[in-house]
Amino acid sequence: MQNPTHCPKCSSDQIYEYASIWTCPMCSHEFTNSEHDLNLTTEAQVGQQITDAHGNELHDGDSVTVIKDLKVKGSSSSIKVGTKVKNIRLVDSSDGHNIGCKIDGFGQMNLKSEFVKKA
């Protein structure tokens, strides 16, 4: 199998391999050699559309705003209304938490799209 030289999503040549998954730092697209060879797209691009609380479609790299105070399990504080989260990542999760992000003061966590609006 030949190693890819460009990202299949944005055609950037700045890709790198980590744990047998290729990643593009320009668009955050992750793919395998077989996906690149077959020119497949990710599941988030094809079938499943993730929308915010107001019905706006979300994409990787979007910024969102929290619309409800969210209690954080294992923490005495909560994420307040109006907290802006930049550079989200759409993830496939069975528990409904379909947004991966990093929130200042809390770190990496997953959110449900029903509690955010597109900024």
N, C-alpha and C. Protein backbone atom coordinates (compact mmCIF):
# COMPACT_ATOMS: atom_id res chain seq x y z
N MET A 1 0.84 -1.18 0.00
CA MET A 1 0.00 0.00 0.00
C MET A 1 0.88 1.24 0.00
N GLN A 2 0.56 2.18 -0.80
CA GLN A 2 1.36 3.39 -0.95
C GLN A 2 0.90 4.44 0.05
N ASN A 3 1.87 5.14 0.65
CA ASN A 3 1.53 6.19 1.60
C ASN A 3 0.95 7.40 0.87
N PRO A 4 -0.08 8.00 1.41
CA PRO A 4 -0.68 9.18 0.77
C PRO A 4 0.25 10.38 0.85
N THR A 5 0.11 11.29 -0.08
CA THR A 5 0.93 12.50 -0.08
C THR A 5 0.09 13.74 0.12
N HIS A 6 -1.22 13.62 0.00
CA HIS A 6 -2.13 14.76 0.15
C HIS A 6 -3.38 14.34 0.92
N CYS A 7 -3.99 15.30 1.58
CA CYS A 7 -5.25 15.07 2.28
C CYS A 7 -6.37 14.92 1.26
N PRO A 8 -7.22 13.89 1.38
CA PRO A 8 -8.31 13.72 0.42
C PRO A 8 -9.41 14.78 0.56
N LYS A 9 -9.45 15.48 1.69
CA LYS A 9 -10.50 16.47 1.91
C LYS A 9 -10.10 17.85 1.39
N CYS A 10 -8.88 18.31 1.77
CA CYS A 10 -8.48 19.68 1.39
C CYS A 10 -7.26 19.74 0.48
N SER A 11 -6.69 18.60 0.15
CA SER A 11 -5.53 18.47 -0.74
C SER A 11 -4.25 19.07 -0.17
N SER A 12 -4.18 19.27 1.13
CA SER A 12 -2.97 19.79 1.76
C SER A 12 -1.89 18.70 1.75
N ASP A 13 -0.64 19.11 1.58
CA ASP A 13 0.46 18.15 1.60
C ASP A 13 1.13 18.07 2.97
N GLN A 14 0.56 18.71 3.99
CA GLN A 14 1.14 18.76 5.33
C GLN A 14 0.54 17.70 6.23
N ILE A 15 0.42 16.47 5.75
CA ILE A 15 -0.20 15.41 6.54
C ILE A 15 0.87 14.65 7.32
N TYR A 16 0.46 13.99 8.40
CA TYR A 16 1.37 13.17 9.18
C TYR A 16 0.65 11.93 9.68
N GLU A 17 1.44 10.91 9.99
CA GLU A 17 0.87 9.64 10.44
C GLU A 17 1.09 9.48 11.93
N TYR A 18 0.04 9.03 12.63
CA TYR A 18 0.13 8.74 14.04
C TYR A 18 -0.74 7.52 14.32
N ALA A 19 -0.12 6.46 14.80
CA ALA A 19 -0.81 5.22 15.14
C ALA A 19 -1.64 4.69 13.96
N SER A 20 -1.05 4.63 12.80
CA SER A 20 -1.62 4.12 11.55
C SER A 20 -2.81 4.94 11.03
N ILE A 21 -3.00 6.14 11.56
CA ILE A 21 -4.03 7.05 11.05
C ILE A 21 -3.33 8.31 10.56
N TRP A 22 -3.67 8.72 9.36
CA TRP A 22 -3.11 9.95 8.80
C TRP A 22 -3.98 11.12 9.22
N THR A 23 -3.34 12.24 9.56
CA THR A 23 -4.06 13.42 10.03
C THR A 23 -3.59 14.64 9.26
N CYS A 24 -4.54 15.49 8.90
CA CYS A 24 -4.24 16.75 8.23
C CYS A 24 -4.41 17.87 9.24
N PRO A 25 -3.33 18.60 9.59
CA PRO A 25 -3.46 19.68 10.56
C PRO A 25 -4.21 20.90 10.00
N MET A 26 -4.38 20.99 8.71
CA MET A 26 -5.05 22.13 8.11
C MET A 26 -6.57 22.05 8.27
N CYS A 27 -7.14 20.85 8.09
CA CYS A 27 -8.60 20.71 8.17
C CYS A 27 -9.05 19.72 9.24
N SER A 28 -8.11 19.13 9.98
CA SER A 28 -8.38 18.15 11.05
C SER A 28 -9.00 16.86 10.54
N HIS A 29 -8.85 16.57 9.27
CA HIS A 29 -9.39 15.34 8.69
C HIS A 29 -8.46 14.18 9.04
N GLU A 30 -9.03 13.07 9.51
CA GLU A 30 -8.27 11.87 9.80
C GLU A 30 -8.69 10.78 8.83
N PHE A 31 -7.71 10.03 8.31
CA PHE A 31 -8.02 8.99 7.34
C PHE A 31 -6.96 7.91 7.39
N THR A 32 -7.30 6.75 6.83
CA THR A 32 -6.37 5.63 6.75
C THR A 32 -5.88 5.50 5.31
N ASN A 33 -4.89 4.64 5.11
CA ASN A 33 -4.39 4.42 3.76
C ASN A 33 -5.49 3.89 2.85
N SER A 34 -6.31 2.98 3.35
CA SER A 34 -7.36 2.40 2.51
C SER A 34 -8.40 3.46 2.12
N GLU A 35 -8.72 4.38 3.04
CA GLU A 35 -9.65 5.46 2.70
C GLU A 35 -9.05 6.34 1.61
N HIS A 36 -7.77 6.61 1.73
CA HIS A 36 -7.13 7.46 0.73
C HIS A 36 -7.10 6.76 -0.62
N ASP A 37 -6.75 5.47 -0.63
CA ASP A 37 -6.68 4.73 -1.88
C ASP A 37 -8.03 4.60 -2.56
N LEU A 38 -9.08 4.42 -1.76
CA LEU A 38 -10.42 4.29 -2.33
C LEU A 38 -11.13 5.62 -2.48
N ASN A 39 -10.48 6.70 -2.00
CA ASN A 39 -11.04 8.05 -2.05
C ASN A 39 -12.39 8.12 -1.33
N LEU A 40 -12.45 7.46 -0.14
CA LEU A 40 -13.65 7.50 0.67
C LEU A 40 -13.66 8.76 1.51
N THR A 41 -14.83 9.13 1.98
CA THR A 41 -14.94 10.27 2.88
C THR A 41 -15.37 9.78 4.24
N THR A 42 -15.23 10.60 5.26
CA THR A 42 -15.57 10.18 6.61
C THR A 42 -17.07 10.09 6.79
N GLU A 43 -17.49 9.37 7.79
CA GLU A 43 -18.91 9.18 8.07
C GLU A 43 -19.62 10.50 8.36
N ALA A 44 -18.93 11.42 9.01
CA ALA A 44 -19.52 12.71 9.33
C ALA A 44 -19.83 13.51 8.07
N GLN A 45 -19.04 13.29 7.00
CA GLN A 45 -19.26 14.03 5.77
C GLN A 45 -20.39 13.42 4.95
N VAL A 46 -20.57 12.12 5.02
CA VAL A 46 -21.50 11.45 4.14
C VAL A 46 -22.92 11.44 4.66
N GLY A 47 -23.18 10.69 5.72
CA GLY A 47 -24.56 10.46 6.09
C GLY A 47 -25.07 11.28 7.24
N GLN A 48 -24.35 11.32 8.30
CA GLN A 48 -24.86 11.90 9.52
C GLN A 48 -24.59 13.41 9.57
N GLN A 49 -25.64 14.19 9.65
CA GLN A 49 -25.52 15.62 9.80
C GLN A 49 -25.80 15.97 11.25
N ILE A 50 -24.87 16.68 11.87
CA ILE A 50 -25.03 17.07 13.26
C ILE A 50 -25.44 18.53 13.27
N THR A 51 -26.54 18.82 13.98
CA THR A 51 -27.06 20.18 14.03
C THR A 51 -27.05 20.69 15.46
N ASP A 52 -27.02 22.03 15.59
CA ASP A 52 -27.05 22.64 16.91
C ASP A 52 -28.50 22.74 17.40
N ALA A 53 -28.71 23.43 18.52
CA ALA A 53 -30.05 23.54 19.11
C ALA A 53 -31.04 24.28 18.21
N HIS A 54 -30.55 25.09 17.28
CA HIS A 54 -31.41 25.86 16.40
C HIS A 54 -31.52 25.27 15.00
N GLY A 55 -30.93 24.10 14.78
CA GLY A 55 -31.03 23.43 13.50
C GLY A 55 -29.96 23.77 12.50
N ASN A 56 -28.94 24.56 12.89
CA ASN A 56 -27.84 24.88 11.99
C ASN A 56 -26.88 23.71 11.92
N GLU A 57 -26.43 23.36 10.72
CA GLU A 57 -25.51 22.24 10.55
C GLU A 57 -24.12 22.61 11.08
N LEU A 58 -23.52 21.70 11.83
CA LEU A 58 -22.19 21.92 12.40
C LEU A 58 -21.15 21.17 11.59
N HIS A 59 -19.94 21.73 11.52
CA HIS A 59 -18.81 21.13 10.82
C HIS A 59 -17.58 21.17 11.71
N ASP A 60 -16.61 20.32 11.41
CA ASP A 60 -15.34 20.36 12.14
C ASP A 60 -14.73 21.75 12.01
N GLY A 61 -14.21 22.27 13.12
CA GLY A 61 -13.55 23.57 13.12
C GLY A 61 -14.47 24.74 13.42
N ASP A 62 -15.77 24.51 13.51
CA ASP A 62 -16.72 25.59 13.84
C ASP A 62 -16.52 26.05 15.28
N SER A 63 -17.05 27.22 15.57
CA SER A 63 -17.12 27.73 16.94
C SER A 63 -18.57 27.69 17.38
N VAL A 64 -18.79 27.31 18.64
CA VAL A 64 -20.14 27.22 19.18
C VAL A 64 -20.19 27.93 20.53
N THR A 65 -21.41 28.26 20.96
CA THR A 65 -21.65 28.88 22.25
C THR A 65 -22.60 28.00 23.04
N VAL A 66 -22.29 27.78 24.31
CA VAL A 66 -23.13 26.96 25.19
C VAL A 66 -24.39 27.75 25.54
N ILE A 67 -25.58 27.11 25.45
CA ILE A 67 -26.84 27.82 25.68
C ILE A 67 -27.50 27.46 27.00
N LYS A 68 -26.84 26.62 27.80
CA LYS A 68 -27.41 26.18 29.07
C LYS A 68 -26.26 25.87 30.03
N ASP A 69 -26.42 26.18 31.32
CA ASP A 69 -25.41 25.78 32.29
C ASP A 69 -25.29 24.27 32.28
N LEU A 70 -24.05 23.78 32.15
CA LEU A 70 -23.82 22.34 32.09
C LEU A 70 -22.98 21.90 33.28
N LYS A 71 -23.52 20.99 34.06
CA LYS A 71 -22.76 20.44 35.18
C LYS A 71 -21.71 19.49 34.64
N VAL A 72 -20.51 19.55 35.20
CA VAL A 72 -19.42 18.68 34.77
C VAL A 72 -19.25 17.59 35.83
N LYS A 73 -19.36 16.37 35.38
CA LYS A 73 -19.25 15.24 36.30
C LYS A 73 -17.86 15.22 36.93
N GLY A 74 -17.80 15.10 38.25
CA GLY A 74 -16.53 15.04 38.95
C GLY A 74 -15.92 16.39 39.25
N SER A 75 -16.65 17.46 38.98
CA SER A 75 -16.15 18.81 39.24
C SER A 75 -17.19 19.59 40.02
N SER A 76 -16.72 20.51 40.86
CA SER A 76 -17.66 21.31 41.64
C SER A 76 -18.17 22.51 40.85
N SER A 77 -17.53 22.82 39.73
CA SER A 77 -17.97 23.96 38.91
C SER A 77 -18.72 23.46 37.68
N SER A 78 -19.33 24.40 36.97
CA SER A 78 -20.08 24.04 35.77
C SER A 78 -19.68 24.97 34.62
N ILE A 79 -20.03 24.54 33.42
CA ILE A 79 -19.80 25.37 32.23
C ILE A 79 -20.98 26.33 32.13
N LYS A 80 -20.70 27.61 32.13
CA LYS A 80 -21.74 28.64 32.19
C LYS A 80 -22.33 28.94 30.80
N VAL A 81 -23.53 29.46 30.80
CA VAL A 81 -24.19 29.91 29.58
C VAL A 81 -23.31 30.98 28.92
N GLY A 82 -23.17 30.91 27.62
CA GLY A 82 -22.41 31.91 26.89
C GLY A 82 -20.95 31.55 26.70
N THR A 83 -20.50 30.43 27.26
CA THR A 83 -19.11 30.00 27.06
C THR A 83 -18.90 29.67 25.60
N LYS A 84 -17.88 30.29 25.00
CA LYS A 84 -17.60 30.07 23.58
C LYS A 84 -16.55 28.97 23.46
N VAL A 85 -16.82 28.02 22.60
CA VAL A 85 -15.93 26.90 22.35
C VAL A 85 -15.49 26.98 20.91
N LYS A 86 -14.17 27.07 20.69
CA LYS A 86 -13.63 27.21 19.34
C LYS A 86 -13.11 25.88 18.84
N ASN A 87 -13.10 25.73 17.54
CA ASN A 87 -12.48 24.60 16.84
C ASN A 87 -13.02 23.26 17.34
N ILE A 88 -14.33 23.05 17.19
CA ILE A 88 -14.93 21.79 17.62
C ILE A 88 -14.57 20.67 16.65
N ARG A 89 -14.76 19.45 17.12
CA ARG A 89 -14.49 18.27 16.33
C ARG A 89 -15.73 17.38 16.46
N LEU A 90 -16.30 16.97 15.35
CA LEU A 90 -17.48 16.10 15.37
C LEU A 90 -17.02 14.66 15.56
N VAL A 91 -17.62 13.98 16.53
CA VAL A 91 -17.24 12.61 16.84
C VAL A 91 -18.47 11.71 16.78
N ASP A 92 -18.24 10.45 16.53
CA ASP A 92 -19.33 9.47 16.50
C ASP A 92 -19.37 8.79 17.86
N SER A 93 -20.42 9.02 18.61
CA SER A 93 -20.52 8.48 19.95
C SER A 93 -21.91 7.89 20.17
N SER A 94 -21.96 6.78 20.86
CA SER A 94 -23.24 6.13 21.10
C SER A 94 -24.03 6.77 22.25
N ASP A 95 -23.37 7.59 23.08
CA ASP A 95 -24.05 8.18 24.22
C ASP A 95 -24.61 9.57 23.95
N GLY A 96 -24.55 10.04 22.70
CA GLY A 96 -25.14 11.32 22.35
C GLY A 96 -24.20 12.51 22.42
N HIS A 97 -23.02 12.33 23.00
CA HIS A 97 -22.02 13.39 23.06
C HIS A 97 -21.27 13.39 21.73
N ASN A 98 -21.72 14.22 20.79
CA ASN A 98 -21.19 14.16 19.44
C ASN A 98 -20.27 15.31 19.06
N ILE A 99 -19.85 16.12 20.04
CA ILE A 99 -18.91 17.20 19.79
C ILE A 99 -17.72 17.02 20.73
N GLY A 100 -16.54 16.90 20.16
CA GLY A 100 -15.31 16.85 20.94
C GLY A 100 -14.69 18.25 20.92
N CYS A 101 -14.23 18.73 22.09
CA CYS A 101 -13.69 20.08 22.15
C CYS A 101 -12.77 20.24 23.35
N LYS A 102 -12.13 21.37 23.41
CA LYS A 102 -11.30 21.74 24.56
C LYS A 102 -11.86 23.04 25.11
N ILE A 103 -12.22 23.03 26.40
CA ILE A 103 -12.80 24.21 27.04
C ILE A 103 -11.81 24.73 28.06
N ASP A 104 -11.51 26.03 27.99
CA ASP A 104 -10.59 26.65 28.93
C ASP A 104 -11.08 26.44 30.35
N GLY A 105 -10.19 25.99 31.21
CA GLY A 105 -10.53 25.75 32.60
C GLY A 105 -11.05 24.35 32.88
N PHE A 106 -11.41 23.60 31.83
CA PHE A 106 -11.93 22.24 32.01
C PHE A 106 -11.11 21.21 31.24
N GLY A 107 -10.54 21.58 30.10
CA GLY A 107 -9.77 20.66 29.28
C GLY A 107 -10.61 19.97 28.23
N GLN A 108 -10.13 18.79 27.76
CA GLN A 108 -10.81 18.02 26.73
C GLN A 108 -12.12 17.46 27.28
N MET A 109 -13.17 17.57 26.51
CA MET A 109 -14.44 16.96 26.88
C MET A 109 -15.34 16.85 25.66
N ASN A 110 -16.41 16.10 25.83
CA ASN A 110 -17.41 15.93 24.79
C ASN A 110 -18.70 16.61 25.23
N LEU A 111 -19.39 17.23 24.26
CA LEU A 111 -20.65 17.92 24.52
C LEU A 111 -21.74 17.33 23.61
N LYS A 112 -22.97 17.54 24.01
CA LYS A 112 -24.10 17.19 23.16
C LYS A 112 -24.45 18.41 22.32
N SER A 113 -24.74 18.19 21.05
CA SER A 113 -25.02 19.29 20.14
C SER A 113 -26.32 20.03 20.49
N GLU A 114 -27.19 19.42 21.25
CA GLU A 114 -28.46 20.05 21.61
C GLU A 114 -28.28 21.19 22.63
N PHE A 115 -27.10 21.30 23.23
CA PHE A 115 -26.85 22.34 24.23
C PHE A 115 -25.93 23.44 23.72
N VAL A 116 -25.73 23.51 22.41
CA VAL A 116 -24.87 24.57 21.84
C VAL A 116 -25.58 25.22 20.66
N LYS A 117 -25.12 26.42 20.33
CA LYS A 117 -25.57 27.08 19.10
C LYS A 117 -24.33 27.53 18.34
N LYS A 118 -24.44 27.54 17.04
CA LYS A 118 -23.32 27.93 16.20
C LYS A 118 -23.02 29.40 16.40
N ALA A 119 -21.76 29.72 16.58
CA ALA A 119 -21.37 31.12 16.84
C ALA A 119 -21.10 31.86 15.55
